[in-house]
Amino acid sequence: MMDTLYPFRLKLQFIMFTRLYLHIPFCPRKCPYCAFVSRESDHAPDSYVDLLLEEMRLVSAGLAPGRPLESIYFGGGTPSLLEPRQVALLIDRAARTFGLAANAEITLEVNPGTVDHERLAGFRAASVNRLSLGVQSFDERMLATLGRVHSARQAQDAFTAARTAGFADVGIDLIHALPGQTAEMWRADLGQALRLAPEHISVYGLSVEEGTPFAARYGGDDPLLPDDDLAAGMFEAADDLLTAHGYEHYEIANYALPGRRSRHNSGYWRRDGYLGLGAAAHSLLRDKGFGTRFGNTADIDGYATSIRAGSLPRCDEMILTLSDAMAEFMFLGLRLAEGVEFAAFEREFGCGMEETFGEAISELVSLGLLQRNDTGVRLTRRGMLLSNRVFVRFIA
């Protein structure tokens, strides 16, 4: 499963990516609903940062000069467990290794329970210019259910500290359809978020992931979980309230003030090339074909062993075919509110969207899940609620 550096170098000579993702797999406490790869720790060890720096070096050894990075994203896990000096080191090395655009977006995910003004000011001095605050809820009962390490007061204080530290681009993440959550509680969460006036708000419906403590706790049709109608009502309430306050609903789960979309995540939905570094990170490298996807091993110790041996811990490589790329173009592009344009599809693949997916499109339009006009197709609001039903129709 692991590639050595030499064959990896041959495969990467002509690839292109403009976005860099760094996975920081450490959390002060593992949340019971979370299925992401992470390990409990109260800090991000220097030894792991050293591994990321070495992985950059190993990857760059096989790269021809390309376009500079347009975005860097620190995800996790809890990236705010990094020290500002570690973040600065990683950004500086990425800029020197891959190049960094002057207006690059650099995002750090932040757990409100891990930061104060001094720490946030350090991240800002390290060139981070965008924060994503994992608030999840402003309700103490819901925070306890989710196993979060912060309180509602700490979440509000973290937002205020971010502003005083100089951050003019701050996003807030919220989760709805939580066990025991009512429509009124959800509206209160939205109202508190709006009072803070962040530039970006993400609203995710709870997904009970297999293998998590939540799956054991709330398996089957647990009466504490909101039913489908209540969950749909929460989605619609968010859509109505946030758009009424000037937020653009630009992607299924994401809202932004004008000009404040997440540029990094938008790149994923447009199939921009991106490189993922760290344990469990994933990549899409654009090459002379239709792109190559692969992941790094999710075993943190295995990742370390591989990097120290001078090998890239690559696994699950998939060289995309024409049909793979067409399917991705549709189900990723349809996540965006503007949908997929006929002309863009034809530019990318040299054939028409209708001749490729006409039957699926007509069926989904008839079901009220897609809207078709002269320029392209996009999800209806009902289609956003049932997006997985839409996306599966484009997968061969």
Protein backbone atom coordinates (compact mmCIF):
# COMPACT_ATOMS: atom_id res chain seq x y z
CA MET A 1 0.00 0.00 0.00
CA MET A 2 2.87 2.38 0.67
CA ASP A 3 4.73 4.00 -2.24
CA THR A 4 8.42 4.73 -1.97
CA LEU A 5 9.67 8.17 -2.89
CA TYR A 6 11.04 7.12 -6.28
CA PRO A 7 7.78 5.95 -7.95
CA PHE A 8 5.94 8.79 -6.28
CA ARG A 9 8.36 11.26 -7.87
CA LEU A 10 7.69 9.81 -11.32
CA LYS A 11 3.95 10.15 -10.90
CA LEU A 12 4.06 13.74 -9.62
CA GLN A 13 6.26 15.47 -12.18
CA PHE A 14 3.41 17.15 -14.02
CA ILE A 15 0.74 17.50 -11.36
CA MET A 16 -0.92 20.73 -10.30
CA PHE A 17 -2.45 21.81 -7.01
CA THR A 18 -3.15 25.26 -5.63
CA ARG A 19 -4.49 24.32 -2.20
CA LEU A 20 -2.78 22.76 0.79
CA TYR A 21 -4.50 20.93 3.65
CA LEU A 22 -2.64 20.02 6.87
CA HIS A 23 -4.29 17.51 9.18
CA ILE A 24 -3.57 17.98 12.90
CA PRO A 25 -4.85 14.75 14.53
CA PHE A 26 -4.89 15.80 18.18
CA CYS A 27 -7.79 16.82 20.43
CA PRO A 28 -7.97 17.67 24.12
CA ARG A 29 -10.83 15.16 24.31
CA LYS A 30 -12.41 12.99 21.65
CA CYS A 31 -16.01 14.09 21.00
CA PRO A 32 -18.39 11.09 21.01
CA TYR A 33 -19.99 12.04 17.67
CA CYS A 34 -16.71 12.56 15.79
CA ALA A 35 -15.40 10.02 13.27
CA PHE A 36 -12.35 12.04 12.19
CA VAL A 37 -8.90 10.63 12.83
CA SER A 38 -7.52 12.10 16.05
CA ARG A 39 -5.74 11.19 19.26
CA GLU A 40 -6.35 12.71 22.69
CA SER A 41 -3.61 15.19 23.66
CA ASP A 42 -3.42 18.63 25.22
CA HIS A 43 -0.93 19.84 22.60
CA ALA A 44 0.38 19.14 19.10
CA PRO A 45 3.89 17.68 19.55
CA ASP A 46 6.87 19.25 17.79
CA SER A 47 7.67 15.75 16.54
CA TYR A 48 4.44 15.74 14.50
CA VAL A 49 5.20 19.18 13.05
CA ASP A 50 8.62 17.85 12.08
CA LEU A 51 6.88 15.00 10.23
CA LEU A 52 4.75 17.48 8.29
CA LEU A 53 7.85 19.46 7.34
CA GLU A 54 9.59 16.29 6.18
CA GLU A 55 6.52 15.22 4.19
CA MET A 56 6.61 18.60 2.40
CA ARG A 57 10.23 17.94 1.51
CA LEU A 58 9.56 14.43 0.27
CA VAL A 59 6.64 15.55 -1.90
CA SER A 60 8.46 18.57 -3.31
CA ALA A 61 11.40 16.43 -4.41
CA GLY A 62 9.33 15.18 -7.33
CA LEU A 63 7.57 18.39 -8.34
CA ALA A 64 8.18 20.73 -11.21
CA PRO A 65 7.53 24.42 -10.33
CA GLY A 66 3.80 25.14 -10.39
CA ARG A 67 1.31 27.86 -9.54
CA PRO A 68 1.61 29.24 -6.00
CA LEU A 69 -0.79 28.12 -3.31
CA GLU A 70 -4.06 30.03 -3.18
CA SER A 71 -5.09 28.65 0.20
CA ILE A 72 -3.79 26.74 3.21
CA TYR A 73 -6.16 25.03 5.63
CA PHE A 74 -5.26 23.64 9.06
CA GLY A 75 -7.91 21.03 9.92
CA GLY A 76 -8.27 18.24 12.39
CA GLY A 77 -8.58 17.24 15.08
CA THR A 78 -7.98 20.49 16.89
CA PRO A 79 -5.42 22.59 15.01
CA SER A 80 -5.65 25.33 17.64
CA LEU A 81 -3.60 23.00 19.88
CA LEU A 82 -0.65 24.03 17.71
CA GLU A 83 1.54 26.78 19.13
CA PRO A 84 1.63 29.96 17.01
CA ARG A 85 5.35 29.35 16.37
CA GLN A 86 4.50 25.91 14.93
CA VAL A 87 1.85 27.41 12.66
CA ALA A 88 4.27 30.11 11.51
CA LEU A 89 6.92 27.48 10.76
CA LEU A 90 4.52 25.38 8.68
CA ILE A 91 3.23 28.38 6.72
CA ASP A 92 6.72 29.67 6.06
CA ARG A 93 7.95 26.26 4.89
CA ALA A 94 4.90 25.81 2.65
CA ALA A 95 5.49 29.24 1.10
CA ARG A 96 9.16 28.47 0.43
CA THR A 97 8.43 24.96 -0.84
CA PHE A 98 5.36 25.48 -3.03
CA GLY A 99 5.02 29.27 -3.35
CA LEU A 100 2.21 31.28 -1.77
CA ALA A 101 -0.02 33.83 -3.50
CA ALA A 102 0.05 37.31 -1.98
CA ASN A 103 -3.68 37.18 -1.20
CA ALA A 104 -3.77 33.53 -0.10
CA GLU A 105 -6.49 32.49 2.33
CA ILE A 106 -4.98 30.77 5.39
CA THR A 107 -7.57 29.14 7.67
CA LEU A 108 -7.17 27.62 11.12
CA GLU A 109 -9.90 25.55 12.75
CA VAL A 110 -10.29 26.58 16.38
CA ASN A 111 -11.89 24.91 19.38
CA PRO A 112 -13.10 27.80 21.58
CA GLY A 113 -11.91 26.01 24.70
CA THR A 114 -8.27 26.07 23.57
CA VAL A 115 -7.64 29.76 22.86
CA ASP A 116 -7.41 33.18 24.45
CA HIS A 117 -6.57 36.62 23.06
CA GLU A 118 -2.80 36.11 23.31
CA ARG A 119 -2.91 32.79 21.49
CA LEU A 120 -5.19 34.14 18.76
CA ALA A 121 -2.98 37.20 18.33
CA GLY A 122 -0.06 34.80 17.88
CA PHE A 123 -1.93 32.94 15.12
CA ARG A 124 -2.71 36.23 13.40
CA ALA A 125 0.97 37.25 13.60
CA ALA A 126 1.82 33.85 12.06
CA SER A 127 -0.13 34.91 8.93
CA VAL A 128 -3.39 33.06 9.62
CA ASN A 129 -6.10 35.35 8.20
CA ARG A 130 -9.25 33.26 8.63
CA LEU A 131 -10.66 31.31 11.58
CA SER A 132 -13.27 28.58 11.66
CA LEU A 133 -14.69 28.36 15.19
CA GLY A 134 -16.11 24.96 16.09
CA VAL A 135 -18.90 26.31 18.31
CA GLN A 136 -21.46 23.58 17.41
CA SER A 137 -24.03 25.00 19.85
CA PHE A 138 -24.57 27.87 22.28
CA ASP A 139 -26.80 25.67 24.44
CA GLU A 140 -25.04 24.20 27.49
CA ARG A 141 -27.20 21.06 27.39
CA MET A 142 -26.29 20.39 23.77
CA LEU A 143 -22.60 21.08 24.43
CA ALA A 144 -22.66 18.50 27.22
CA THR A 145 -24.38 15.98 24.95
CA LEU A 146 -21.74 16.59 22.27
CA GLY A 147 -18.91 16.18 24.78
CA ARG A 148 -17.40 19.56 23.91
CA VAL A 149 -14.62 20.96 26.11
CA HIS A 150 -15.93 24.54 25.93
CA SER A 151 -18.93 26.37 27.32
CA ALA A 152 -21.27 28.73 25.52
CA ARG A 153 -19.57 31.65 27.29
CA GLN A 154 -16.17 30.49 26.11
CA ALA A 155 -17.45 30.31 22.55
CA GLN A 156 -18.65 33.91 22.69
CA ASP A 157 -15.44 35.03 24.39
CA ALA A 158 -13.34 33.28 21.73
CA PHE A 159 -15.20 35.12 18.99
CA THR A 160 -14.67 38.47 20.74
CA ALA A 161 -10.99 37.66 21.30
CA ALA A 162 -10.63 36.81 17.60
CA ARG A 163 -11.93 40.24 16.67
CA THR A 164 -9.63 42.06 19.08
CA ALA A 165 -6.71 39.95 17.79
CA GLY A 166 -7.31 41.38 14.34
CA PHE A 167 -9.32 38.68 12.55
CA ALA A 168 -11.73 40.20 10.05
CA ASP A 169 -12.78 36.84 8.61
CA VAL A 170 -14.30 34.48 11.16
CA GLY A 171 -16.65 31.56 10.59
CA ILE A 172 -18.84 29.70 13.07
CA ASP A 173 -19.83 26.03 12.80
CA LEU A 174 -23.17 24.87 14.21
CA ILE A 175 -24.80 21.42 14.32
CA HIS A 176 -28.53 20.75 14.27
CA ALA A 177 -30.75 17.65 14.65
CA LEU A 178 -28.99 16.88 17.94
CA PRO A 179 -30.37 14.43 20.52
CA GLY A 180 -33.03 16.24 22.51
CA GLN A 181 -32.76 19.44 20.47
CA THR A 182 -36.00 21.28 19.72
CA ALA A 183 -36.78 23.73 16.95
CA GLU A 184 -36.77 26.54 19.51
CA MET A 185 -33.32 25.58 20.77
CA TRP A 186 -32.00 25.57 17.21
CA ARG A 187 -33.46 28.99 16.49
CA ALA A 188 -31.82 30.29 19.66
CA ASP A 189 -28.44 28.98 18.43
CA LEU A 190 -28.93 30.72 15.10
CA GLY A 191 -29.96 33.93 16.82
CA GLN A 192 -26.85 33.95 19.00
CA ALA A 193 -24.65 33.33 15.97
CA LEU A 194 -26.27 36.24 14.14
CA ARG A 195 -25.72 38.56 17.11
CA LEU A 196 -21.98 37.88 16.81
CA ALA A 197 -22.15 38.71 13.06
CA PRO A 198 -19.48 36.33 11.72
CA GLU A 199 -18.54 36.47 8.05
CA HIS A 200 -19.37 32.80 7.56
CA ILE A 201 -21.77 30.30 9.17
CA SER A 202 -21.78 26.55 8.53
CA VAL A 203 -24.84 24.53 9.60
CA TYR A 204 -24.44 20.77 9.61
CA GLY A 205 -27.09 18.17 10.35
CA LEU A 206 -25.84 15.59 12.85
CA SER A 207 -24.68 12.40 11.19
CA VAL A 208 -24.39 9.44 13.57
CA GLU A 209 -21.26 7.75 12.24
CA GLU A 210 -20.61 4.04 12.55
CA GLY A 211 -18.02 3.16 15.17
CA THR A 212 -18.50 6.29 17.28
CA PRO A 213 -19.89 6.32 20.85
CA PHE A 214 -22.91 8.15 19.44
CA ALA A 215 -23.68 5.17 17.19
CA ALA A 216 -23.82 2.90 20.23
CA ARG A 217 -25.75 5.44 22.26
CA TYR A 218 -28.30 6.54 19.67
CA GLY A 219 -28.60 3.52 17.39
CA GLY A 220 -31.71 2.82 15.35
CA ASP A 221 -34.71 5.13 15.75
CA ASP A 222 -33.76 6.64 19.08
CA PRO A 223 -36.58 8.92 20.26
CA LEU A 224 -34.06 11.54 21.38
CA LEU A 225 -32.98 12.13 17.75
CA PRO A 226 -35.18 14.58 15.85
CA ASP A 227 -37.25 12.83 13.18
CA ASP A 228 -36.80 13.60 9.48
CA ASP A 229 -39.51 16.26 9.45
CA LEU A 230 -38.05 18.13 12.42
CA ALA A 231 -34.53 17.89 10.99
CA ALA A 232 -35.78 19.23 7.64
CA GLY A 233 -37.55 22.04 9.45
CA MET A 234 -34.29 22.98 11.17
CA PHE A 235 -32.51 23.13 7.80
CA GLU A 236 -35.26 25.33 6.38
CA ALA A 237 -35.31 27.57 9.46
CA ALA A 238 -31.58 28.19 9.06
CA ASP A 239 -31.99 28.92 5.37
CA ASP A 240 -34.82 31.39 5.95
CA LEU A 241 -33.19 33.18 8.89
CA LEU A 242 -29.64 33.43 7.58
CA THR A 243 -30.59 34.56 4.07
CA ALA A 244 -32.94 37.14 5.59
CA HIS A 245 -29.90 38.57 7.40
CA GLY A 246 -27.85 38.95 4.24
CA TYR A 247 -25.98 35.64 4.20
CA GLU A 248 -25.60 33.96 0.83
CA HIS A 249 -26.52 30.28 0.87
CA TYR A 250 -23.69 29.30 -1.45
CA GLU A 251 -23.31 25.59 -0.61
CA ILE A 252 -25.59 23.00 0.98
CA ALA A 253 -24.30 23.57 4.52
CA ASN A 254 -22.56 26.93 4.15
CA TYR A 255 -23.57 30.58 4.32
CA ALA A 256 -21.40 33.65 3.85
CA LEU A 257 -21.66 37.39 3.69
CA PRO A 258 -20.97 38.70 0.16
CA GLY A 259 -17.36 38.03 -0.82
CA ARG A 260 -16.69 35.85 2.24
CA ARG A 261 -17.09 32.33 0.89
CA SER A 262 -14.52 29.80 2.05
CA ARG A 263 -12.13 29.89 -0.88
CA HIS A 264 -10.35 26.73 0.21
CA ASN A 265 -13.49 24.61 0.54
CA SER A 266 -14.94 26.09 -2.64
CA GLY A 267 -11.86 24.71 -4.39
CA TYR A 268 -12.85 21.20 -3.31
CA TRP A 269 -16.27 21.56 -4.89
CA ARG A 270 -14.76 22.90 -8.12
CA ARG A 271 -12.25 20.00 -8.27
CA ASP A 272 -9.23 22.26 -7.87
CA GLY A 273 -6.07 20.29 -7.24
CA TYR A 274 -5.18 20.05 -3.54
CA LEU A 275 -2.46 18.36 -1.54
CA GLY A 276 -3.15 16.90 1.89
CA LEU A 277 -0.35 16.44 4.41
CA GLY A 278 -0.49 14.56 7.68
CA ALA A 279 -2.05 11.33 8.90
CA ALA A 280 -5.40 10.60 7.19
CA ALA A 281 -5.11 13.61 4.85
CA HIS A 282 -6.51 13.23 1.32
CA SER A 283 -5.38 14.73 -1.98
CA LEU A 284 -6.61 15.37 -5.50
CA LEU A 285 -3.73 16.05 -7.87
CA ARG A 286 -4.62 17.41 -11.30
CA ASP A 287 -2.40 15.98 -14.00
CA LYS A 288 -2.48 15.34 -17.73
CA GLY A 289 -5.37 12.93 -17.24
CA PHE A 290 -8.48 13.49 -15.15
CA GLY A 291 -6.72 13.61 -11.81
CA THR A 292 -5.46 11.22 -9.14
CA ARG A 293 -6.95 10.83 -5.68
CA PHE A 294 -5.19 9.20 -2.73
CA GLY A 295 -4.99 9.35 1.03
CA ASN A 296 -2.32 9.10 3.67
CA THR A 297 -2.56 6.23 6.11
CA ALA A 298 -4.91 6.99 9.01
CA ASP A 299 -2.60 5.20 11.44
CA ILE A 300 -0.74 8.06 13.14
CA ASP A 301 2.12 5.81 14.24
CA GLY A 302 2.30 4.20 10.80
CA TYR A 303 2.39 7.66 9.23
CA ALA A 304 5.34 8.61 11.44
CA THR A 305 7.21 5.39 10.70
CA SER A 306 6.81 5.85 6.96
CA ILE A 307 7.92 9.48 6.90
CA ARG A 308 10.96 8.75 9.07
CA ALA A 309 11.92 6.00 6.64
CA GLY A 310 11.81 8.47 3.75
CA SER A 311 8.62 7.04 2.22
CA LEU A 312 5.33 8.77 1.56
CA PRO A 313 2.52 7.03 3.49
CA ARG A 314 0.22 6.96 0.50
CA CYS A 315 -2.73 4.54 0.18
CA ASP A 316 -5.98 4.05 -1.69
CA GLU A 317 -4.73 5.63 -4.90
CA MET A 318 -7.38 6.11 -7.58
CA ILE A 319 -6.45 7.31 -11.05
CA LEU A 320 -9.66 8.88 -12.27
CA THR A 321 -11.26 7.82 -15.53
CA LEU A 322 -13.36 10.07 -17.73
CA SER A 323 -16.55 8.72 -16.17
CA ASP A 324 -15.14 9.19 -12.64
CA ALA A 325 -14.27 12.81 -13.36
CA MET A 326 -17.64 13.52 -14.98
CA ALA A 327 -19.47 12.10 -11.97
CA GLU A 328 -17.34 14.17 -9.57
CA PHE A 329 -17.90 17.29 -11.64
CA MET A 330 -21.63 16.82 -11.19
CA PHE A 331 -22.02 15.74 -7.58
CA LEU A 332 -19.40 18.16 -6.26
CA GLY A 333 -20.50 21.08 -8.43
CA LEU A 334 -24.14 20.58 -7.49
CA ARG A 335 -23.24 21.21 -3.86
CA LEU A 336 -22.81 24.86 -4.84
CA ALA A 337 -25.92 27.03 -5.10
CA GLU A 338 -25.14 28.05 -8.68
CA GLY A 339 -24.94 24.40 -9.69
CA VAL A 340 -23.21 23.18 -12.84
CA GLU A 341 -23.21 25.06 -16.14
CA PHE A 342 -23.63 23.23 -19.45
CA ALA A 343 -20.79 25.28 -20.95
CA ALA A 344 -18.41 24.48 -18.07
CA PHE A 345 -19.09 20.75 -18.42
CA GLU A 346 -18.42 20.88 -22.16
CA ARG A 347 -15.18 22.86 -21.67
CA GLU A 348 -13.94 20.29 -19.18
CA PHE A 349 -14.87 17.13 -21.07
CA GLY A 350 -15.53 18.07 -24.69
CA CYS A 351 -19.07 16.70 -24.69
CA GLY A 352 -22.50 17.82 -23.53
CA MET A 353 -23.90 17.31 -20.05
CA GLU A 354 -27.31 16.42 -21.46
CA GLU A 355 -25.96 13.70 -23.73
CA THR A 356 -24.04 12.22 -20.80
CA PHE A 357 -26.53 12.57 -17.97
CA GLY A 358 -29.75 13.58 -19.70
CA GLU A 359 -31.86 10.74 -18.33
CA ALA A 360 -30.76 11.34 -14.74
CA ILE A 361 -31.27 15.10 -15.04
CA SER A 362 -34.79 14.72 -16.48
CA GLU A 363 -35.77 12.29 -13.71
CA LEU A 364 -34.42 14.56 -10.96
CA VAL A 365 -36.14 17.62 -12.45
CA SER A 366 -39.44 15.72 -12.53
CA LEU A 367 -38.98 14.84 -8.84
CA GLY A 368 -38.41 18.49 -7.94
CA LEU A 369 -34.84 17.87 -6.82
CA LEU A 370 -33.10 19.68 -9.68
CA GLN A 371 -33.89 22.89 -11.52
CA ARG A 372 -32.81 23.19 -15.16
CA ASN A 373 -32.60 26.40 -17.18
CA ASP A 374 -30.84 27.57 -20.34
CA THR A 375 -27.40 27.71 -18.69
CA GLY A 376 -27.28 24.66 -16.45
CA VAL A 377 -28.72 22.71 -13.52
CA ARG A 378 -28.79 23.30 -9.78
CA LEU A 379 -30.33 21.79 -6.68
CA THR A 380 -33.72 22.99 -5.49
CA ARG A 381 -34.14 23.51 -1.76
CA ARG A 382 -35.80 20.09 -1.59
CA GLY A 383 -32.84 18.76 -3.56
CA MET A 384 -30.48 20.14 -0.92
CA LEU A 385 -32.41 18.26 1.75
CA LEU A 386 -32.20 15.05 -0.30
CA SER A 387 -28.82 15.69 -1.88
CA ASN A 388 -27.50 12.14 -1.49
CA ARG A 389 -30.48 10.90 -3.52
CA VAL A 390 -29.43 13.33 -6.25
CA PHE A 391 -25.71 12.61 -6.21
CA VAL A 392 -26.05 8.84 -6.47
CA ARG A 393 -27.73 9.24 -9.88
CA PHE A 394 -24.46 10.55 -11.37
CA ILE A 395 -22.27 7.71 -10.12
CA ALA A 396 -21.81 4.96 -12.70
